[in-house]
Structure formats: structure tokens, C-alpha cells
């Protein structure tokens, strides 16, 4: 099979994933989706923090936190004032620039080690390619997050309101500081798509059963969100 260009892979992963995974098995590569997603989110947050009303945002963050209800107005104003544009911007960028690659590396390491244990000896580069390309649909969230920005030209839009596809925005509407807020704000309608791509890629590469590939691909996901849900449950 001829090697596919990154632009071809970017489209094929979304509409012809079997073709994309077949090409990646022959020639694994991962830098393009990793860098492209990071740059897209970096550009978005630079836009967001240049347009958002920082004074309003600081008041919103402090006022929405139930833990601040018993704090005096003066202390709440002080806390809001500490949430500067640079502080919030760098916090968001560090999440994108550092946390995202680290998560992809951890995911690839799991696949590599688990693959060795069950006699599925693909290289670490293969598994890194799978981890990065199956996460490619998350790029679509950037387009989704642009909608609230365009709908609020006054800049009064909270960061948690940007992700219109999150379970929190769609269903639960828990406030900042609620034990379930971070978990529900993290899970989106795109996650099942990403999980399905991971299972599909594993099956196409290994030739193992759907059950095996589902357990192999999603065991870390179940463990992560299961532990997270237990922590949220006992913190409520």
C-alpha cells in the first residue's frame, strides 16, 4: 500500500478509518495530529483570552464556585482580581501543550506494554500513531467552541460554556466547584467516536476478536473514568 500523506490521513480517519489504519500499520506516524491539535487549541485560547472580558470572567469564576459563598465580598473581589489574563491563559496553554502529549504518551505506553503481554508486538511508534490519530476528532471541538465566542461579541462567555458538546453543558449543568463538574465537563459527545476508532484500529491491526480489542483498547478508559467517578462520588 502506498504511504498516505498527512492531509489524506486527516480526512480518512474521519470518513474512511479502515483505510487510514491500514496505511498507519504500514507506515506509522504521529507528529502531524499531535502538533496540529496542539496548535489549533493554542490559537483558540489566544483568541479567547484576547477577546474575553477578564474582569467579568474573574467575577464569574469566583461567584460560580459554591465554596466561595461564605467568603466576604472583599475577599471574593481580591480572589477575582488575582485571576489575571496571563494567569488564566498560561494555565490553559500548559494544559494543551503539556498535558495532551503526556496523555498520548501514557496511552501509547499502555498499548505497547499490554501488547507485549498478549503477544501483539507492534512498536511503540505504532501505538503512538494509534493514540494520536484516534484523538484526531477532538480537533472538531475547536470549531464548536468558536460558536459561543461568535455569539457573545461582548466577551462575556465563560470557559466552561465553550464546550457545547460536554455532558455538563448538554445535560447536567453542575456549577464550578461541584464534585462532578470537572468530570462531566471533560466528557463530550466526541468521546464515543474516539473510543470506537481506538477499538477499530486495534482490531484491524491485531486481527483479534471485537471483545478482545474492546477490552484491550478501553480498559485504561474504564479505569480512569471509573476512579474519577468514585472520587467525585465520595466528594459529593
C-alpha atoms as a PDB file:
ATOM      1  CA  UNK A   1       0.000   0.000   0.000  1.00  0.00           C
ATOM      2  CA  UNK A   2       1.290   3.457  -0.916  1.00  0.00           C
ATOM      3  CA  UNK A   3       2.002   5.747   2.012  1.00  0.00           C
ATOM      4  CA  UNK A   4      -0.728   8.280   2.679  1.00  0.00           C
ATOM      5  CA  UNK A   5       0.043  11.952   3.146  1.00  0.00           C
ATOM      6  CA  UNK A   6      -0.904  13.576   6.446  1.00  0.00           C
ATOM      7  CA  UNK A   7      -3.688  15.519   4.738  1.00  0.00           C
ATOM      8  CA  UNK A   8      -5.100  12.272   3.339  1.00  0.00           C
ATOM      9  CA  UNK A   9      -4.879  10.579   6.735  1.00  0.00           C
ATOM     10  CA  UNK A  10      -6.580  13.535   8.421  1.00  0.00           C
ATOM     11  CA  UNK A  11      -9.594  13.091   6.168  1.00  0.00           C
ATOM     12  CA  UNK A  12      -9.540   9.293   6.048  1.00  0.00           C
ATOM     13  CA  UNK A  13      -9.551   8.918   9.845  1.00  0.00           C
ATOM     14  CA  UNK A  14     -12.863  10.773   9.913  1.00  0.00           C
ATOM     15  CA  UNK A  15     -14.595   9.154   6.934  1.00  0.00           C
ATOM     16  CA  UNK A  16     -12.574   6.050   5.954  1.00  0.00           C
ATOM     17  CA  UNK A  17     -10.893   4.885   9.164  1.00  0.00           C
ATOM     18  CA  UNK A  18     -10.192   1.365   7.897  1.00  0.00           C
ATOM     19  CA  UNK A  19      -8.132   2.792   5.039  1.00  0.00           C
ATOM     20  CA  UNK A  20      -6.334   5.154   7.391  1.00  0.00           C
ATOM     21  CA  UNK A  21      -5.432   2.434   9.895  1.00  0.00           C
ATOM     22  CA  UNK A  22      -4.228   0.138   7.121  1.00  0.00           C
ATOM     23  CA  UNK A  23      -1.854   2.871   5.952  1.00  0.00           C
ATOM     24  CA  UNK A  24      -0.692   3.612   9.512  1.00  0.00           C
ATOM     25  CA  UNK A  25       0.078  -0.048  10.103  1.00  0.00           C
ATOM     26  CA  UNK A  26       2.455   0.014   7.156  1.00  0.00           C
ATOM     27  CA  UNK A  27       3.931   3.422   7.963  1.00  0.00           C
ATOM     28  CA  UNK A  28       3.142   4.708  11.482  1.00  0.00           C
ATOM     29  CA  UNK A  29       3.479   8.439  12.040  1.00  0.00           C
ATOM     30  CA  UNK A  30       2.055  10.689  14.711  1.00  0.00           C
ATOM     31  CA  UNK A  31       3.657  14.141  14.724  1.00  0.00           C
ATOM     32  CA  UNK A  32       1.091  15.799  12.467  1.00  0.00           C
ATOM     33  CA  UNK A  33      -2.056  15.134  14.566  1.00  0.00           C
ATOM     34  CA  UNK A  34      -0.207  15.791  17.800  1.00  0.00           C
ATOM     35  CA  UNK A  35       1.144  19.156  16.648  1.00  0.00           C
ATOM     36  CA  UNK A  36      -1.933  20.201  14.646  1.00  0.00           C
ATOM     37  CA  UNK A  37      -4.309  19.652  17.559  1.00  0.00           C
ATOM     38  CA  UNK A  38      -1.954  21.467  19.927  1.00  0.00           C
ATOM     39  CA  UNK A  39      -1.621  24.438  17.587  1.00  0.00           C
ATOM     40  CA  UNK A  40      -5.371  24.615  16.997  1.00  0.00           C
ATOM     41  CA  UNK A  41      -6.170  24.745  20.705  1.00  0.00           C
ATOM     42  CA  UNK A  42      -3.313  27.181  21.335  1.00  0.00           C
ATOM     43  CA  UNK A  43      -4.652  29.517  18.648  1.00  0.00           C
ATOM     44  CA  UNK A  44      -8.154  29.239  20.059  1.00  0.00           C
ATOM     45  CA  UNK A  45      -7.159  30.094  23.641  1.00  0.00           C
ATOM     46  CA  UNK A  46      -5.045  33.004  22.441  1.00  0.00           C
ATOM     47  CA  UNK A  47      -8.167  34.273  20.686  1.00  0.00           C
ATOM     48  CA  UNK A  48     -10.403  33.550  23.672  1.00  0.00           C
ATOM     49  CA  UNK A  49      -8.270  35.379  26.233  1.00  0.00           C
ATOM     50  CA  UNK A  50      -7.716  38.320  23.900  1.00  0.00           C
ATOM     51  CA  UNK A  51     -11.483  38.730  23.449  1.00  0.00           C
ATOM     52  CA  UNK A  52     -12.960  37.701  26.807  1.00  0.00           C
ATOM     53  CA  UNK A  53     -13.920  40.296  29.410  1.00  0.00           C
ATOM     54  CA  UNK A  54     -11.320  39.358  32.041  1.00  0.00           C
ATOM     55  CA  UNK A  55     -12.936  41.364  34.850  1.00  0.00           C
ATOM     56  CA  UNK A  56     -16.274  39.681  34.171  1.00  0.00           C
ATOM     57  CA  UNK A  57     -14.634  36.269  33.882  1.00  0.00           C
ATOM     58  CA  UNK A  58     -12.865  36.632  37.223  1.00  0.00           C
ATOM     59  CA  UNK A  59     -16.119  37.601  38.938  1.00  0.00           C
ATOM     60  CA  UNK A  60     -17.893  34.717  37.223  1.00  0.00           C
ATOM     61  CA  UNK A  61     -15.325  32.111  38.288  1.00  0.00           C
ATOM     62  CA  UNK A  62     -15.370  33.268  41.900  1.00  0.00           C
ATOM     63  CA  UNK A  63     -19.135  33.811  42.015  1.00  0.00           C
ATOM     64  CA  UNK A  64     -19.883  30.391  40.480  1.00  0.00           C
ATOM     65  CA  UNK A  65     -17.780  28.495  42.991  1.00  0.00           C
ATOM     66  CA  UNK A  66     -20.041  27.268  45.836  1.00  0.00           C
ATOM     67  CA  UNK A  67     -17.003  27.178  48.091  1.00  0.00           C
ATOM     68  CA  UNK A  68     -16.865  30.985  47.930  1.00  0.00           C
ATOM     69  CA  UNK A  69     -20.388  31.598  49.200  1.00  0.00           C
ATOM     70  CA  UNK A  70     -19.297  32.107  52.787  1.00  0.00           C
ATOM     71  CA  UNK A  71     -16.368  34.319  51.841  1.00  0.00           C
ATOM     72  CA  UNK A  72     -16.693  38.050  52.352  1.00  0.00           C
ATOM     73  CA  UNK A  73     -17.305  40.323  49.365  1.00  0.00           C
ATOM     74  CA  UNK A  74     -13.901  41.934  49.822  1.00  0.00           C
ATOM     75  CA  UNK A  75     -12.123  38.588  49.753  1.00  0.00           C
ATOM     76  CA  UNK A  76     -14.126  37.462  46.739  1.00  0.00           C
ATOM     77  CA  UNK A  77     -13.104  40.650  44.920  1.00  0.00           C
ATOM     78  CA  UNK A  78      -9.473  40.006  45.848  1.00  0.00           C
ATOM     79  CA  UNK A  79      -9.698  36.432  44.581  1.00  0.00           C
ATOM     80  CA  UNK A  80     -11.276  37.570  41.322  1.00  0.00           C
ATOM     81  CA  UNK A  81      -8.556  40.175  40.852  1.00  0.00           C
ATOM     82  CA  UNK A  82      -5.866  37.501  41.108  1.00  0.00           C
ATOM     83  CA  UNK A  83      -7.285  35.728  38.050  1.00  0.00           C
ATOM     84  CA  UNK A  84      -5.365  37.790  35.524  1.00  0.00           C
ATOM     85  CA  UNK A  85      -5.388  37.241  31.779  1.00  0.00           C
ATOM     86  CA  UNK A  86      -1.833  35.908  31.757  1.00  0.00           C
ATOM     87  CA  UNK A  87      -2.506  33.527  34.662  1.00  0.00           C
ATOM     88  CA  UNK A  88      -5.591  32.028  33.012  1.00  0.00           C
ATOM     89  CA  UNK A  89      -4.027  31.949  29.547  1.00  0.00           C
ATOM     90  CA  UNK A  90      -0.880  30.145  30.640  1.00  0.00           C
ATOM     91  CA  UNK A  91      -2.925  27.693  32.673  1.00  0.00           C
ATOM     92  CA  UNK A  92      -4.931  26.771  29.584  1.00  0.00           C
ATOM     93  CA  UNK A  93      -1.884  26.624  27.312  1.00  0.00           C
ATOM     94  CA  UNK A  94       0.051  24.409  29.711  1.00  0.00           C
ATOM     95  CA  UNK A  95      -2.872  22.002  29.715  1.00  0.00           C
ATOM     96  CA  UNK A  96      -2.765  21.839  25.930  1.00  0.00           C
ATOM     97  CA  UNK A  97       0.997  21.891  25.395  1.00  0.00           C
ATOM     98  CA  UNK A  98       1.995  19.615  28.268  1.00  0.00           C
ATOM     99  CA  UNK A  99      -0.961  17.508  29.385  1.00  0.00           C
ATOM    100  CA  UNK A 100      -2.141  16.446  25.923  1.00  0.00           C
ATOM    101  CA  UNK A 101       1.186  14.955  24.725  1.00  0.00           C
ATOM    102  CA  UNK A 102       1.692  13.328  28.124  1.00  0.00           C
ATOM    103  CA  UNK A 103      -1.724  11.666  27.894  1.00  0.00           C
ATOM    104  CA  UNK A 104      -0.935  10.394  24.374  1.00  0.00           C
ATOM    105  CA  UNK A 105       2.403   9.013  25.612  1.00  0.00           C
ATOM    106  CA  UNK A 106       0.731   7.252  28.546  1.00  0.00           C
ATOM    107  CA  UNK A 107      -1.892   5.789  26.231  1.00  0.00           C
ATOM    108  CA  UNK A 108       0.769   4.555  23.792  1.00  0.00           C
ATOM    109  CA  UNK A 109       2.819   3.107  26.650  1.00  0.00           C
ATOM    110  CA  UNK A 110      -0.215   1.136  27.841  1.00  0.00           C
ATOM    111  CA  UNK A 111      -0.817  -0.279  24.366  1.00  0.00           C
ATOM    112  CA  UNK A 112       2.852  -1.133  23.935  1.00  0.00           C
ATOM    113  CA  UNK A 113       3.216  -2.922  27.277  1.00  0.00           C
ATOM    114  CA  UNK A 114      -0.184  -4.631  27.124  1.00  0.00           C
ATOM    115  CA  UNK A 115       0.508  -5.629  23.517  1.00  0.00           C
ATOM    116  CA  UNK A 116       3.736  -7.296  24.538  1.00  0.00           C
ATOM    117  CA  UNK A 117       1.906  -9.162  27.296  1.00  0.00           C
ATOM    118  CA  UNK A 118      -0.710 -10.578  24.905  1.00  0.00           C
ATOM    119  CA  UNK A 119       1.686 -11.259  22.021  1.00  0.00           C
ATOM    120  CA  UNK A 120       0.733  -8.232  19.923  1.00  0.00           C
ATOM    121  CA  UNK A 121       4.237  -6.860  19.381  1.00  0.00           C
ATOM    122  CA  UNK A 122       3.739  -3.643  17.460  1.00  0.00           C
ATOM    123  CA  UNK A 123       6.331  -0.929  18.002  1.00  0.00           C
ATOM    124  CA  UNK A 124       5.850   1.995  20.360  1.00  0.00           C
ATOM    125  CA  UNK A 125       5.704   4.221  17.284  1.00  0.00           C
ATOM    126  CA  UNK A 126       2.723   2.219  16.011  1.00  0.00           C
ATOM    127  CA  UNK A 127       0.843   2.662  19.255  1.00  0.00           C
ATOM    128  CA  UNK A 128       1.728   6.344  19.461  1.00  0.00           C
ATOM    129  CA  UNK A 129       0.324   6.749  15.954  1.00  0.00           C
ATOM    130  CA  UNK A 130      -2.869   4.987  17.012  1.00  0.00           C
ATOM    131  CA  UNK A 131      -3.218   7.144  20.145  1.00  0.00           C
ATOM    132  CA  UNK A 132      -2.677  10.407  18.257  1.00  0.00           C
ATOM    133  CA  UNK A 133      -4.768   9.687  15.176  1.00  0.00           C
ATOM    134  CA  UNK A 134      -7.740   8.247  17.076  1.00  0.00           C
ATOM    135  CA  UNK A 135      -7.793  11.511  19.070  1.00  0.00           C
ATOM    136  CA  UNK A 136      -7.994  13.495  15.818  1.00  0.00           C
ATOM    137  CA  UNK A 137     -11.798  14.112  16.120  1.00  0.00           C
ATOM    138  CA  UNK A 138     -11.109  16.267  19.184  1.00  0.00           C
ATOM    139  CA  UNK A 139      -9.939  18.906  16.712  1.00  0.00           C
ATOM    140  CA  UNK A 140     -13.602  19.434  15.843  1.00  0.00           C
ATOM    141  CA  UNK A 141     -14.168  20.819  19.338  1.00  0.00           C
ATOM    142  CA  UNK A 142     -12.250  23.922  18.322  1.00  0.00           C
ATOM    143  CA  UNK A 143     -14.920  24.669  15.720  1.00  0.00           C
ATOM    144  CA  UNK A 144     -17.651  24.008  18.286  1.00  0.00           C
ATOM    145  CA  UNK A 145     -16.029  26.307  20.847  1.00  0.00           C
ATOM    146  CA  UNK A 146     -15.893  29.115  18.314  1.00  0.00           C
ATOM    147  CA  UNK A 147     -19.710  29.254  18.244  1.00  0.00           C
ATOM    148  CA  UNK A 148     -20.206  30.740  21.763  1.00  0.00           C
ATOM    149  CA  UNK A 149     -17.367  33.175  21.106  1.00  0.00           C
ATOM    150  CA  UNK A 150     -19.057  34.485  17.975  1.00  0.00           C
ATOM    151  CA  UNK A 151     -22.417  34.547  19.755  1.00  0.00           C
ATOM    152  CA  UNK A 152     -21.064  36.741  22.592  1.00  0.00           C
ATOM    153  CA  UNK A 153     -19.194  39.631  20.973  1.00  0.00           C
ATOM    154  CA  UNK A 154     -19.106  41.423  24.347  1.00  0.00           C
ATOM    155  CA  UNK A 155     -16.628  38.793  25.554  1.00  0.00           C
ATOM    156  CA  UNK A 156     -18.794  37.634  28.435  1.00  0.00           C
ATOM    157  CA  UNK A 157     -18.565  33.894  27.868  1.00  0.00           C
ATOM    158  CA  UNK A 158     -17.213  31.505  30.485  1.00  0.00           C
ATOM    159  CA  UNK A 159     -14.655  28.900  29.528  1.00  0.00           C
ATOM    160  CA  UNK A 160     -16.861  26.053  30.768  1.00  0.00           C
ATOM    161  CA  UNK A 161     -19.603  27.267  28.410  1.00  0.00           C
ATOM    162  CA  UNK A 162     -17.393  26.925  25.346  1.00  0.00           C
ATOM    163  CA  UNK A 163     -17.652  23.164  25.076  1.00  0.00           C
ATOM    164  CA  UNK A 164     -21.201  22.790  23.845  1.00  0.00           C
ATOM    165  CA  UNK A 165     -20.713  19.035  23.406  1.00  0.00           C
ATOM    166  CA  UNK A 166     -19.808  18.268  27.020  1.00  0.00           C
ATOM    167  CA  UNK A 167     -22.195  16.248  29.155  1.00  0.00           C
ATOM    168  CA  UNK A 168     -22.238  19.060  31.661  1.00  0.00           C
ATOM    169  CA  UNK A 169     -23.348  21.672  29.133  1.00  0.00           C
ATOM    170  CA  UNK A 170     -25.847  19.361  27.450  1.00  0.00           C
ATOM    171  CA  UNK A 171     -27.440  17.624  30.430  1.00  0.00           C
ATOM    172  CA  UNK A 172     -26.175  18.132  33.969  1.00  0.00           C
ATOM    173  CA  UNK A 173     -25.247  21.840  34.309  1.00  0.00           C
ATOM    174  CA  UNK A 174     -23.259  21.391  37.524  1.00  0.00           C
ATOM    175  CA  UNK A 175     -21.580  24.610  38.759  1.00  0.00           C
ATOM    176  CA  UNK A 176     -17.864  25.216  39.161  1.00  0.00           C
ATOM    177  CA  UNK A 177     -16.588  23.616  42.346  1.00  0.00           C
ATOM    178  CA  UNK A 178     -19.181  20.829  42.246  1.00  0.00           C
ATOM    179  CA  UNK A 179     -17.578  17.393  42.752  1.00  0.00           C
ATOM    180  CA  UNK A 180     -18.869  16.163  39.377  1.00  0.00           C
ATOM    181  CA  UNK A 181     -18.193  19.336  37.395  1.00  0.00           C
ATOM    182  CA  UNK A 182     -14.734  18.569  36.018  1.00  0.00           C
ATOM    183  CA  UNK A 183     -15.589  15.006  35.029  1.00  0.00           C
ATOM    184  CA  UNK A 184     -18.844  15.942  33.308  1.00  0.00           C
ATOM    185  CA  UNK A 185     -17.264  18.945  31.617  1.00  0.00           C
ATOM    186  CA  UNK A 186     -14.475  16.723  30.275  1.00  0.00           C
ATOM    187  CA  UNK A 187     -16.681  14.025  28.762  1.00  0.00           C
ATOM    188  CA  UNK A 188     -18.135  15.004  25.387  1.00  0.00           C
ATOM    189  CA  UNK A 189     -20.186  13.509  22.602  1.00  0.00           C
ATOM    190  CA  UNK A 190     -16.939  13.018  20.689  1.00  0.00           C
ATOM    191  CA  UNK A 191     -15.522  10.568  23.213  1.00  0.00           C
ATOM    192  CA  UNK A 192     -17.516   7.525  21.995  1.00  0.00           C
ATOM    193  CA  UNK A 193     -16.277   8.256  18.465  1.00  0.00           C
ATOM    194  CA  UNK A 194     -12.664   8.340  19.659  1.00  0.00           C
ATOM    195  CA  UNK A 195     -13.147   5.143  21.672  1.00  0.00           C
ATOM    196  CA  UNK A 196     -14.712   3.380  18.690  1.00  0.00           C
ATOM    197  CA  UNK A 197     -11.807   4.420  16.460  1.00  0.00           C
ATOM    198  CA  UNK A 198      -9.364   3.025  19.025  1.00  0.00           C
ATOM    199  CA  UNK A 199     -11.180  -0.309  19.158  1.00  0.00           C
ATOM    200  CA  UNK A 200     -11.454  -0.432  15.364  1.00  0.00           C
ATOM    201  CA  UNK A 201      -7.775   0.356  14.843  1.00  0.00           C
ATOM    202  CA  UNK A 202      -6.768  -2.301  17.355  1.00  0.00           C
ATOM    203  CA  UNK A 203      -8.932  -4.905  15.631  1.00  0.00           C
ATOM    204  CA  UNK A 204      -7.636  -4.061  12.153  1.00  0.00           C
ATOM    205  CA  UNK A 205      -4.034  -4.235  13.333  1.00  0.00           C
ATOM    206  CA  UNK A 206      -4.243  -7.330  15.518  1.00  0.00           C
ATOM    207  CA  UNK A 207      -6.987  -9.368  13.842  1.00  0.00           C
ATOM    208  CA  UNK A 208      -8.287 -10.317  17.291  1.00  0.00           C
ATOM    209  CA  UNK A 209     -11.952 -10.517  18.293  1.00  0.00           C
ATOM    210  CA  UNK A 210     -14.129  -7.460  18.921  1.00  0.00           C
ATOM    211  CA  UNK A 211     -14.358  -8.425  22.599  1.00  0.00           C
ATOM    212  CA  UNK A 212     -10.600  -8.671  22.980  1.00  0.00           C
ATOM    213  CA  UNK A 213      -9.998  -5.386  21.180  1.00  0.00           C
ATOM    214  CA  UNK A 214     -12.678  -3.572  23.185  1.00  0.00           C
ATOM    215  CA  UNK A 215     -11.172  -4.698  26.485  1.00  0.00           C
ATOM    216  CA  UNK A 216      -7.621  -4.047  25.284  1.00  0.00           C
ATOM    217  CA  UNK A 217      -8.396  -0.558  23.968  1.00  0.00           C
ATOM    218  CA  UNK A 218     -10.836   0.666  26.606  1.00  0.00           C
ATOM    219  CA  UNK A 219      -9.545  -0.833  29.845  1.00  0.00           C
ATOM    220  CA  UNK A 220      -7.477   2.310  30.635  1.00  0.00           C
ATOM    221  CA  UNK A 221     -10.503   4.491  29.834  1.00  0.00           C
ATOM    222  CA  UNK A 222     -12.757   2.486  32.143  1.00  0.00           C
ATOM    223  CA  UNK A 223     -10.117   2.560  34.882  1.00  0.00           C
ATOM    224  CA  UNK A 224      -9.528   6.309  34.546  1.00  0.00           C
ATOM    225  CA  UNK A 225     -13.149   7.408  34.477  1.00  0.00           C
ATOM    226  CA  UNK A 226     -14.169   4.763  37.000  1.00  0.00           C
ATOM    227  CA  UNK A 227     -11.667   6.040  39.564  1.00  0.00           C
ATOM    228  CA  UNK A 228     -12.578   9.645  38.699  1.00  0.00           C
ATOM    229  CA  UNK A 229     -16.276   8.880  39.193  1.00  0.00           C
ATOM    230  CA  UNK A 230     -15.597   7.219  42.568  1.00  0.00           C
ATOM    231  CA  UNK A 231     -13.596  10.243  43.722  1.00  0.00           C
ATOM    232  CA  UNK A 232     -16.424  12.532  42.620  1.00  0.00           C
ATOM    233  CA  UNK A 233     -19.000  10.317  44.323  1.00  0.00           C
ATOM    234  CA  UNK A 234     -17.227  10.282  47.681  1.00  0.00           C
ATOM    235  CA  UNK A 235     -16.505  14.025  47.439  1.00  0.00           C
ATOM    236  CA  UNK A 236     -20.167  14.906  46.956  1.00  0.00           C
END
